[in-house]
Amino acid sequence: MAAACRSSTGLRDEGWLEDISAEGCCLVTRTIYFKVGSRIVIRPQGLEGVTGVVRWIAANKAGIQFDHPLYGPIIEHLWNQHGTAVAFSAQ
């Protein structure tokens, strides 16, 4: 799923989200400009911004832990819009 992101220092990037759950996701971009511990805002296509913290980085992927878990209906909406591209784990 396409997403834009921005760090608290103003760095911006675009990419896509993988393995989305209520607690977090994997952000994939061409080049990761963020560091572990960076605070970011992710704006998935068609949704409001979601804040979180970068917990790990590997090559061009970053694990993001959301500040607040996503509500079940949001996960269901993502599932309906993006099918198997979203890891369905609403709680």
PDB file of N, CA and C in Angstrom:
ATOM      1  N   MET A   1       0.843  -1.162   0.000  1.00  0.00           N
ATOM      2  CA  MET A   1       0.000   0.000   0.000  1.00  0.00           C
ATOM      3  C   MET A   1       0.894   1.232   0.000  1.00  0.00           C
ATOM      4  N   ALA A   2       0.636   2.147  -0.896  1.00  0.00           N
ATOM      5  CA  ALA A   2       1.435   3.360  -1.004  1.00  0.00           C
ATOM      6  C   ALA A   2       1.285   4.226   0.253  1.00  0.00           C
ATOM      7  N   ALA A   3       2.377   4.897   0.628  1.00  0.00           N
ATOM      8  CA  ALA A   3       2.356   5.768   1.807  1.00  0.00           C
ATOM      9  C   ALA A   3       3.439   6.829   1.687  1.00  0.00           C
ATOM     10  N   ALA A   4       3.157   7.983   2.242  1.00  0.00           N
ATOM     11  CA  ALA A   4       4.146   9.037   2.388  1.00  0.00           C
ATOM     12  C   ALA A   4       4.546   9.073   3.854  1.00  0.00           C
ATOM     13  N   CYS A   5       5.752   9.513   4.136  1.00  0.00           N
ATOM     14  CA  CYS A   5       6.174   9.602   5.532  1.00  0.00           C
ATOM     15  C   CYS A   5       7.046  10.830   5.735  1.00  0.00           C
ATOM     16  N   ARG A   6       7.084  11.279   6.982  1.00  0.00           N
ATOM     17  CA  ARG A   6       7.852  12.467   7.351  1.00  0.00           C
ATOM     18  C   ARG A   6       8.391  12.276   8.753  1.00  0.00           C
ATOM     19  N   SER A   7       9.656  12.629   8.944  1.00  0.00           N
ATOM     20  CA  SER A   7      10.251  12.533  10.275  1.00  0.00           C
ATOM     21  C   SER A   7       9.991  13.820  11.045  1.00  0.00           C
ATOM     22  N   SER A   8      10.245  13.780  12.335  1.00  0.00           N
ATOM     23  CA  SER A   8      10.063  14.976  13.167  1.00  0.00           C
ATOM     24  C   SER A   8      11.057  16.065  12.803  1.00  0.00           C
ATOM     25  N   THR A   9      12.132  15.704  12.090  1.00  0.00           N
ATOM     26  CA  THR A   9      13.119  16.696  11.654  1.00  0.00           C
ATOM     27  C   THR A   9      12.809  17.238  10.265  1.00  0.00           C
ATOM     28  N   GLY A  10      11.706  16.768   9.647  1.00  0.00           N
ATOM     29  CA  GLY A  10      11.284  17.290   8.362  1.00  0.00           C
ATOM     30  C   GLY A  10      11.676  16.467   7.147  1.00  0.00           C
ATOM     31  N   LEU A  11      12.454  15.391   7.326  1.00  0.00           N
ATOM     32  CA  LEU A  11      12.795  14.536   6.190  1.00  0.00           C
ATOM     33  C   LEU A  11      11.533  13.871   5.677  1.00  0.00           C
ATOM     34  N   ARG A  12      11.372  13.841   4.357  1.00  0.00           N
ATOM     35  CA  ARG A  12      10.190  13.244   3.739  1.00  0.00           C
ATOM     36  C   ARG A  12      10.608  12.134   2.790  1.00  0.00           C
ATOM     37  N   ASP A  13       9.743  11.137   2.664  1.00  0.00           N
ATOM     38  CA  ASP A  13      10.005  10.040   1.749  1.00  0.00           C
ATOM     39  C   ASP A  13       8.673   9.421   1.349  1.00  0.00           C
ATOM     40  N   GLU A  14       8.698   8.647   0.296  1.00  0.00           N
ATOM     41  CA  GLU A  14       7.524   7.912  -0.139  1.00  0.00           C
ATOM     42  C   GLU A  14       7.905   6.473  -0.356  1.00  0.00           C
ATOM     43  N   GLY A  15       6.959   5.591  -0.142  1.00  0.00           N
ATOM     44  CA  GLY A  15       7.216   4.178  -0.320  1.00  0.00           C
ATOM     45  C   GLY A  15       5.927   3.413  -0.198  1.00  0.00           C
ATOM     46  N   TRP A  16       5.994   2.261   0.434  1.00  0.00           N
ATOM     47  CA  TRP A  16       4.802   1.452   0.640  1.00  0.00           C
ATOM     48  C   TRP A  16       4.911   0.722   1.962  1.00  0.00           C
ATOM     49  N   LEU A  17       3.767   0.250   2.432  1.00  0.00           N
ATOM     50  CA  LEU A  17       3.692  -0.440   3.714  1.00  0.00           C
ATOM     51  C   LEU A  17       3.462  -1.929   3.476  1.00  0.00           C
ATOM     52  N   GLU A  18       4.107  -2.729   4.306  1.00  0.00           N
ATOM     53  CA  GLU A  18       3.935  -4.176   4.294  1.00  0.00           C
ATOM     54  C   GLU A  18       3.665  -4.630   5.720  1.00  0.00           C
ATOM     55  N   ASP A  19       3.108  -5.806   5.861  1.00  0.00           N
ATOM     56  CA  ASP A  19       2.925  -6.444   7.168  1.00  0.00           C
ATOM     57  C   ASP A  19       2.276  -5.514   8.194  1.00  0.00           C
ATOM     58  N   ILE A  20       1.180  -4.912   7.811  1.00  0.00           N
ATOM     59  CA  ILE A  20       0.498  -3.980   8.708  1.00  0.00           C
ATOM     60  C   ILE A  20      -0.292  -4.757   9.755  1.00  0.00           C
ATOM     61  N   SER A  21      -0.124  -4.356  11.009  1.00  0.00           N
ATOM     62  CA  SER A  21      -0.911  -4.918  12.100  1.00  0.00           C
ATOM     63  C   SER A  21      -1.430  -3.750  12.934  1.00  0.00           C
ATOM     64  N   ALA A  22      -2.166  -4.037  13.960  1.00  0.00           N
ATOM     65  CA  ALA A  22      -2.676  -2.980  14.833  1.00  0.00           C
ATOM     66  C   ALA A  22      -1.537  -2.220  15.508  1.00  0.00           C
ATOM     67  N   GLU A  23      -0.400  -2.895  15.749  1.00  0.00           N
ATOM     68  CA  GLU A  23       0.704  -2.292  16.499  1.00  0.00           C
ATOM     69  C   GLU A  23       1.769  -1.622  15.645  1.00  0.00           C
ATOM     70  N   GLY A  24       1.843  -1.959  14.353  1.00  0.00           N
ATOM     71  CA  GLY A  24       2.901  -1.382  13.542  1.00  0.00           C
ATOM     72  C   GLY A  24       2.903  -1.909  12.126  1.00  0.00           C
ATOM     73  N   CYS A  25       4.000  -1.618  11.414  1.00  0.00           N
ATOM     74  CA  CYS A  25       4.107  -2.038  10.026  1.00  0.00           C
ATOM     75  C   CYS A  25       5.570  -2.021   9.600  1.00  0.00           C
ATOM     76  N   CYS A  26       5.791  -2.488   8.391  1.00  0.00           N
ATOM     77  CA  CYS A  26       7.104  -2.406   7.758  1.00  0.00           C
ATOM     78  C   CYS A  26       6.996  -1.351   6.665  1.00  0.00           C
ATOM     79  N   LEU A  27       7.836  -0.344   6.723  1.00  0.00           N
ATOM     80  CA  LEU A  27       7.883   0.718   5.731  1.00  0.00           C
ATOM     81  C   LEU A  27       9.019   0.405   4.765  1.00  0.00           C
ATOM     82  N   VAL A  28       8.718   0.379   3.470  1.00  0.00           N
ATOM     83  CA  VAL A  28       9.715   0.089   2.441  1.00  0.00           C
ATOM     84  C   VAL A  28       9.859   1.322   1.555  1.00  0.00           C
ATOM     85  N   THR A  29      11.086   1.799   1.400  1.00  0.00           N
ATOM     86  CA  THR A  29      11.367   2.934   0.517  1.00  0.00           C
ATOM     87  C   THR A  29      12.608   2.607  -0.308  1.00  0.00           C
ATOM     88  N   ARG A  30      12.908   3.450  -1.277  1.00  0.00           N
ATOM     89  CA  ARG A  30      14.122   3.221  -2.072  1.00  0.00           C
ATOM     90  C   ARG A  30      15.365   3.317  -1.199  1.00  0.00           C
ATOM     91  N   THR A  31      15.396   4.321  -0.358  1.00  0.00           N
ATOM     92  CA  THR A  31      16.508   4.522   0.575  1.00  0.00           C
ATOM     93  C   THR A  31      15.925   4.992   1.896  1.00  0.00           C
ATOM     94  N   ILE A  32      16.291   4.348   2.987  1.00  0.00           N
ATOM     95  CA  ILE A  32      15.788   4.754   4.304  1.00  0.00           C
ATOM     96  C   ILE A  32      16.605   5.942   4.794  1.00  0.00           C
ATOM     97  N   TYR A  33      15.913   7.058   5.058  1.00  0.00           N
ATOM     98  CA  TYR A  33      16.577   8.269   5.553  1.00  0.00           C
ATOM     99  C   TYR A  33      16.453   8.417   7.060  1.00  0.00           C
ATOM    100  N   PHE A  34      15.775   7.497   7.697  1.00  0.00           N
ATOM    101  CA  PHE A  34      15.513   7.603   9.127  1.00  0.00           C
ATOM    102  C   PHE A  34      16.488   6.748   9.917  1.00  0.00           C
ATOM    103  N   LYS A  35      16.553   6.998  11.215  1.00  0.00           N
ATOM    104  CA  LYS A  35      17.385   6.219  12.131  1.00  0.00           C
ATOM    105  C   LYS A  35      16.478   5.496  13.126  1.00  0.00           C
ATOM    106  N   VAL A  36      16.996   4.438  13.717  1.00  0.00           N
ATOM    107  CA  VAL A  36      16.266   3.767  14.790  1.00  0.00           C
ATOM    108  C   VAL A  36      16.017   4.804  15.887  1.00  0.00           C
ATOM    109  N   GLY A  37      14.795   4.858  16.350  1.00  0.00           N
ATOM    110  CA  GLY A  37      14.416   5.832  17.368  1.00  0.00           C
ATOM    111  C   GLY A  37      13.784   7.092  16.801  1.00  0.00           C
ATOM    112  N   SER A  38      13.845   7.285  15.474  1.00  0.00           N
ATOM    113  CA  SER A  38      13.230   8.462  14.848  1.00  0.00           C
ATOM    114  C   SER A  38      11.725   8.421  15.012  1.00  0.00           C
ATOM    115  N   ARG A  39      11.142   9.570  15.276  1.00  0.00           N
ATOM    116  CA  ARG A  39       9.683   9.695  15.329  1.00  0.00           C
ATOM    117  C   ARG A  39       9.234  10.063  13.923  1.00  0.00           C
ATOM    118  N   ILE A  40       8.208   9.380  13.427  1.00  0.00           N
ATOM    119  CA  ILE A  40       7.724   9.668  12.083  1.00  0.00           C
ATOM    120  C   ILE A  40       6.204   9.691  12.039  1.00  0.00           C
ATOM    121  N   VAL A  41       5.708  10.298  10.971  1.00  0.00           N
ATOM    122  CA  VAL A  41       4.288  10.284  10.651  1.00  0.00           C
ATOM    123  C   VAL A  41       4.163   9.567   9.310  1.00  0.00           C
ATOM    124  N   ILE A  42       3.327   8.543   9.265  1.00  0.00           N
ATOM    125  CA  ILE A  42       3.072   7.805   8.033  1.00  0.00           C
ATOM    126  C   ILE A  42       1.672   8.168   7.571  1.00  0.00           C
ATOM    127  N   ARG A  43       1.548   8.486   6.291  1.00  0.00           N
ATOM    128  CA  ARG A  43       0.240   8.787   5.719  1.00  0.00           C
ATOM    129  C   ARG A  43      -0.077   7.753   4.637  1.00  0.00           C
ATOM    130  N   PRO A  44      -0.713   6.637   5.057  1.00  0.00           N
ATOM    131  CA  PRO A  44      -1.105   5.638   4.060  1.00  0.00           C
ATOM    132  C   PRO A  44      -2.112   6.242   3.090  1.00  0.00           C
ATOM    133  N   GLN A  45      -2.047   5.811   1.860  1.00  0.00           N
ATOM    134  CA  GLN A  45      -2.960   6.314   0.840  1.00  0.00           C
ATOM    135  C   GLN A  45      -4.405   6.152   1.294  1.00  0.00           C
ATOM    136  N   GLY A  46      -5.138   7.272   1.362  1.00  0.00           N
ATOM    137  CA  GLY A  46      -6.551   7.246   1.727  1.00  0.00           C
ATOM    138  C   GLY A  46      -6.835   7.290   3.216  1.00  0.00           C
ATOM    139  N   LEU A  47      -5.804   7.415   4.064  1.00  0.00           N
ATOM    140  CA  LEU A  47      -6.021   7.461   5.511  1.00  0.00           C
ATOM    141  C   LEU A  47      -5.345   8.680   6.117  1.00  0.00           C
ATOM    142  N   GLU A  48      -5.725   8.987   7.355  1.00  0.00           N
ATOM    143  CA  GLU A  48      -5.079  10.054   8.121  1.00  0.00           C
ATOM    144  C   GLU A  48      -3.667   9.625   8.510  1.00  0.00           C
ATOM    145  N   GLY A  49      -2.862  10.576   8.936  1.00  0.00           N
ATOM    146  CA  GLY A  49      -1.511  10.271   9.386  1.00  0.00           C
ATOM    147  C   GLY A  49      -1.502   9.434  10.655  1.00  0.00           C
ATOM    148  N   VAL A  50      -0.526   8.533  10.734  1.00  0.00           N
ATOM    149  CA  VAL A  50      -0.338   7.665  11.894  1.00  0.00           C
ATOM    150  C   VAL A  50       1.067   7.925  12.420  1.00  0.00           C
ATOM    151  N   THR A  51       1.202   8.228  13.701  1.00  0.00           N
ATOM    152  CA  THR A  51       2.513   8.501  14.276  1.00  0.00           C
ATOM    153  C   THR A  51       3.117   7.235  14.863  1.00  0.00           C
ATOM    154  N   GLY A  52       4.448   7.214  14.878  1.00  0.00           N
ATOM    155  CA  GLY A  52       5.130   6.055  15.431  1.00  0.00           C
ATOM    156  C   GLY A  52       6.625   6.283  15.556  1.00  0.00           C
ATOM    157  N   VAL A  53       7.330   5.201  15.905  1.00  0.00           N
ATOM    158  CA  VAL A  53       8.775   5.235  16.127  1.00  0.00           C
ATOM    159  C   VAL A  53       9.428   4.137  15.294  1.00  0.00           C
ATOM    160  N   VAL A  54      10.562   4.462  14.673  1.00  0.00           N
ATOM    161  CA  VAL A  54      11.330   3.458  13.933  1.00  0.00           C
ATOM    162  C   VAL A  54      12.014   2.557  14.957  1.00  0.00           C
ATOM    163  N   ARG A  55      11.741   1.248  14.905  1.00  0.00           N
ATOM    164  CA  ARG A  55      12.299   0.287  15.857  1.00  0.00           C
ATOM    165  C   ARG A  55      13.446  -0.525  15.279  1.00  0.00           C
ATOM    166  N   TRP A  56      13.488  -0.702  13.949  1.00  0.00           N
ATOM    167  CA  TRP A  56      14.589  -1.424  13.313  1.00  0.00           C
ATOM    168  C   TRP A  56      14.704  -0.988  11.856  1.00  0.00           C
ATOM    169  N   ILE A  57      15.891  -1.161  11.303  1.00  0.00           N
ATOM    170  CA  ILE A  57      16.155  -0.855   9.901  1.00  0.00           C
ATOM    171  C   ILE A  57      16.984  -1.990   9.323  1.00  0.00           C
ATOM    172  N   ALA A  58      16.601  -2.438   8.124  1.00  0.00           N
ATOM    173  CA  ALA A  58      17.349  -3.463   7.389  1.00  0.00           C
ATOM    174  C   ALA A  58      17.262  -3.108   5.911  1.00  0.00           C
ATOM    175  N   ALA A  59      18.401  -2.733   5.325  1.00  0.00           N
ATOM    176  CA  ALA A  59      18.460  -2.322   3.916  1.00  0.00           C
ATOM    177  C   ALA A  59      17.479  -1.175   3.688  1.00  0.00           C
ATOM    178  N   ASN A  60      16.476  -1.373   2.831  1.00  0.00           N
ATOM    179  CA  ASN A  60      15.526  -0.301   2.527  1.00  0.00           C
ATOM    180  C   ASN A  60      14.189  -0.475   3.252  1.00  0.00           C
ATOM    181  N   LYS A  61      14.206  -1.210   4.359  1.00  0.00           N
ATOM    182  CA  LYS A  61      12.994  -1.441   5.154  1.00  0.00           C
ATOM    183  C   LYS A  61      13.178  -0.935   6.580  1.00  0.00           C
ATOM    184  N   ALA A  62      12.078  -0.472   7.153  1.00  0.00           N
ATOM    185  CA  ALA A  62      12.103  -0.003   8.546  1.00  0.00           C
ATOM    186  C   ALA A  62      10.866  -0.516   9.263  1.00  0.00           C
ATOM    187  N   GLY A  63      11.043  -1.021  10.460  1.00  0.00           N
ATOM    188  CA  GLY A  63       9.930  -1.462  11.291  1.00  0.00           C
ATOM    189  C   GLY A  63       9.417  -0.294  12.102  1.00  0.00           C
ATOM    190  N   ILE A  64       8.134  -0.017  11.987  1.00  0.00           N
ATOM    191  CA  ILE A  64       7.520   1.121  12.677  1.00  0.00           C
ATOM    192  C   ILE A  64       6.549   0.611  13.733  1.00  0.00           C
ATOM    193  N   GLN A  65       6.713   1.087  14.956  1.00  0.00           N
ATOM    194  CA  GLN A  65       5.759   0.796  16.026  1.00  0.00           C
ATOM    195  C   GLN A  65       4.866   2.020  16.173  1.00  0.00           C
ATOM    196  N   PHE A  66       3.555   1.823  15.998  1.00  0.00           N
ATOM    197  CA  PHE A  66       2.616   2.935  16.112  1.00  0.00           C
ATOM    198  C   PHE A  66       2.534   3.410  17.558  1.00  0.00           C
ATOM    199  N   ASP A  67       2.315   4.713  17.744  1.00  0.00           N
ATOM    200  CA  ASP A  67       2.127   5.269  19.086  1.00  0.00           C
ATOM    201  C   ASP A  67       0.860   4.729  19.735  1.00  0.00           C
ATOM    202  N   HIS A  68      -0.165   4.535  18.932  1.00  0.00           N
ATOM    203  CA  HIS A  68      -1.444   4.012  19.411  1.00  0.00           C
ATOM    204  C   HIS A  68      -1.886   2.933  18.441  1.00  0.00           C
ATOM    205  N   PRO A  69      -2.283   1.773  18.949  1.00  0.00           N
ATOM    206  CA  PRO A  69      -2.729   0.701  18.046  1.00  0.00           C
ATOM    207  C   PRO A  69      -3.868   1.166  17.138  1.00  0.00           C
ATOM    208  N   LEU A  70      -3.865   0.672  15.907  1.00  0.00           N
ATOM    209  CA  LEU A  70      -4.956   0.967  14.981  1.00  0.00           C
ATOM    210  C   LEU A  70      -6.201   0.218  15.422  1.00  0.00           C
ATOM    211  N   TYR A  71      -7.342   0.840  15.237  1.00  0.00           N
ATOM    212  CA  TYR A  71      -8.607   0.204  15.582  1.00  0.00           C
ATOM    213  C   TYR A  71      -8.907  -0.922  14.597  1.00  0.00           C
ATOM    214  N   GLY A  72      -9.584  -1.934  15.084  1.00  0.00           N
ATOM    215  CA  GLY A  72      -9.963  -3.069  14.261  1.00  0.00           C
ATOM    216  C   GLY A  72     -10.631  -2.679  12.953  1.00  0.00           C
ATOM    217  N   PRO A  73     -11.607  -1.745  12.961  1.00  0.00           N
ATOM    218  CA  PRO A  73     -12.261  -1.359  11.706  1.00  0.00           C
ATOM    219  C   PRO A  73     -11.288  -0.767  10.675  1.00  0.00           C
ATOM    220  N   ILE A  74     -10.240  -0.108  11.128  1.00  0.00           N
ATOM    221  CA  ILE A  74      -9.248   0.434  10.194  1.00  0.00           C
ATOM    222  C   ILE A  74      -8.484  -0.709   9.538  1.00  0.00           C
ATOM    223  N   ILE A  75      -8.069  -1.699  10.336  1.00  0.00           N
ATOM    224  CA  ILE A  75      -7.378  -2.856   9.785  1.00  0.00           C
ATOM    225  C   ILE A  75      -8.293  -3.576   8.794  1.00  0.00           C
ATOM    226  N   GLU A  76      -9.567  -3.734   9.148  1.00  0.00           N
ATOM    227  CA  GLU A  76     -10.523  -4.371   8.245  1.00  0.00           C
ATOM    228  C   GLU A  76     -10.657  -3.595   6.942  1.00  0.00           C
ATOM    229  N   HIS A  77     -10.696  -2.250   7.031  1.00  0.00           N
ATOM    230  CA  HIS A  77     -10.773  -1.404   5.837  1.00  0.00           C
ATOM    231  C   HIS A  77      -9.541  -1.640   4.955  1.00  0.00           C
ATOM    232  N   LEU A  78      -8.374  -1.676   5.557  1.00  0.00           N
ATOM    233  CA  LEU A  78      -7.155  -1.914   4.790  1.00  0.00           C
ATOM    234  C   LEU A  78      -7.192  -3.286   4.126  1.00  0.00           C
ATOM    235  N   TRP A  79      -7.672  -4.273   4.853  1.00  0.00           N
ATOM    236  CA  TRP A  79      -7.803  -5.621   4.306  1.00  0.00           C
ATOM    237  C   TRP A  79      -8.721  -5.608   3.077  1.00  0.00           C
ATOM    238  N   ASN A  80      -9.867  -4.928   3.201  1.00  0.00           N
ATOM    239  CA  ASN A  80     -10.820  -4.872   2.093  1.00  0.00           C
ATOM    240  C   ASN A  80     -10.257  -4.129   0.889  1.00  0.00           C
ATOM    241  N   GLN A  81      -9.465  -3.099   1.133  1.00  0.00           N
ATOM    242  CA  GLN A  81      -8.911  -2.297   0.048  1.00  0.00           C
ATOM    243  C   GLN A  81      -7.692  -2.939  -0.612  1.00  0.00           C
ATOM    244  N   HIS A  82      -6.888  -3.653   0.185  1.00  0.00           N
ATOM    245  CA  HIS A  82      -5.598  -4.120  -0.315  1.00  0.00           C
ATOM    246  C   HIS A  82      -5.417  -5.632  -0.232  1.00  0.00           C
ATOM    247  N   GLY A  83      -6.434  -6.352   0.201  1.00  0.00           N
ATOM    248  CA  GLY A  83      -6.410  -7.813   0.211  1.00  0.00           C
ATOM    249  C   GLY A  83      -5.232  -8.399   0.940  1.00  0.00           C
ATOM    250  N   THR A  84      -4.565  -9.342   0.325  1.00  0.00           N
ATOM    251  CA  THR A  84      -3.480 -10.074   0.969  1.00  0.00           C
ATOM    252  C   THR A  84      -2.241  -9.228   1.217  1.00  0.00           C
ATOM    253  N   ALA A  85      -2.223  -7.976   0.721  1.00  0.00           N
ATOM    254  CA  ALA A  85      -1.077  -7.103   0.979  1.00  0.00           C
ATOM    255  C   ALA A  85      -1.047  -6.635   2.428  1.00  0.00           C
ATOM    256  N   VAL A  86      -2.141  -6.838   3.150  1.00  0.00           N
ATOM    257  CA  VAL A  86      -2.223  -6.416   4.543  1.00  0.00           C
ATOM    258  C   VAL A  86      -2.300  -7.648   5.427  1.00  0.00           C
ATOM    259  N   ALA A  87      -1.459  -7.696   6.423  1.00  0.00           N
ATOM    260  CA  ALA A  87      -1.504  -8.808   7.388  1.00  0.00           C
ATOM    261  C   ALA A  87      -2.660  -8.531   8.333  1.00  0.00           C
ATOM    262  N   PHE A  88      -3.733  -9.266   8.238  1.00  0.00           N
ATOM    263  CA  PHE A  88      -4.922  -9.016   9.049  1.00  0.00           C
ATOM    264  C   PHE A  88      -4.694  -9.504  10.468  1.00  0.00           C
ATOM    265  N   SER A  89      -4.607  -8.572  11.402  1.00  0.00           N
ATOM    266  CA  SER A  89      -4.438  -8.967  12.809  1.00  0.00           C
ATOM    267  C   SER A  89      -5.157  -7.994  13.724  1.00  0.00           C
ATOM    268  N   ALA A  90      -6.362  -7.671  13.397  1.00  0.00           N
ATOM    269  CA  ALA A  90      -7.149  -6.775  14.249  1.00  0.00           C
ATOM    270  C   ALA A  90      -7.407  -7.452  15.592  1.00  0.00           C
ATOM    271  N   GLN A  91      -7.335  -6.666  16.648  1.00  0.00           N
ATOM    272  CA  GLN A  91      -7.546  -7.228  17.978  1.00  0.00           C
ATOM    273  C   GLN A  91      -8.768  -6.632  18.599  1.00  0.00           C
TER     274      GLN A  91
END
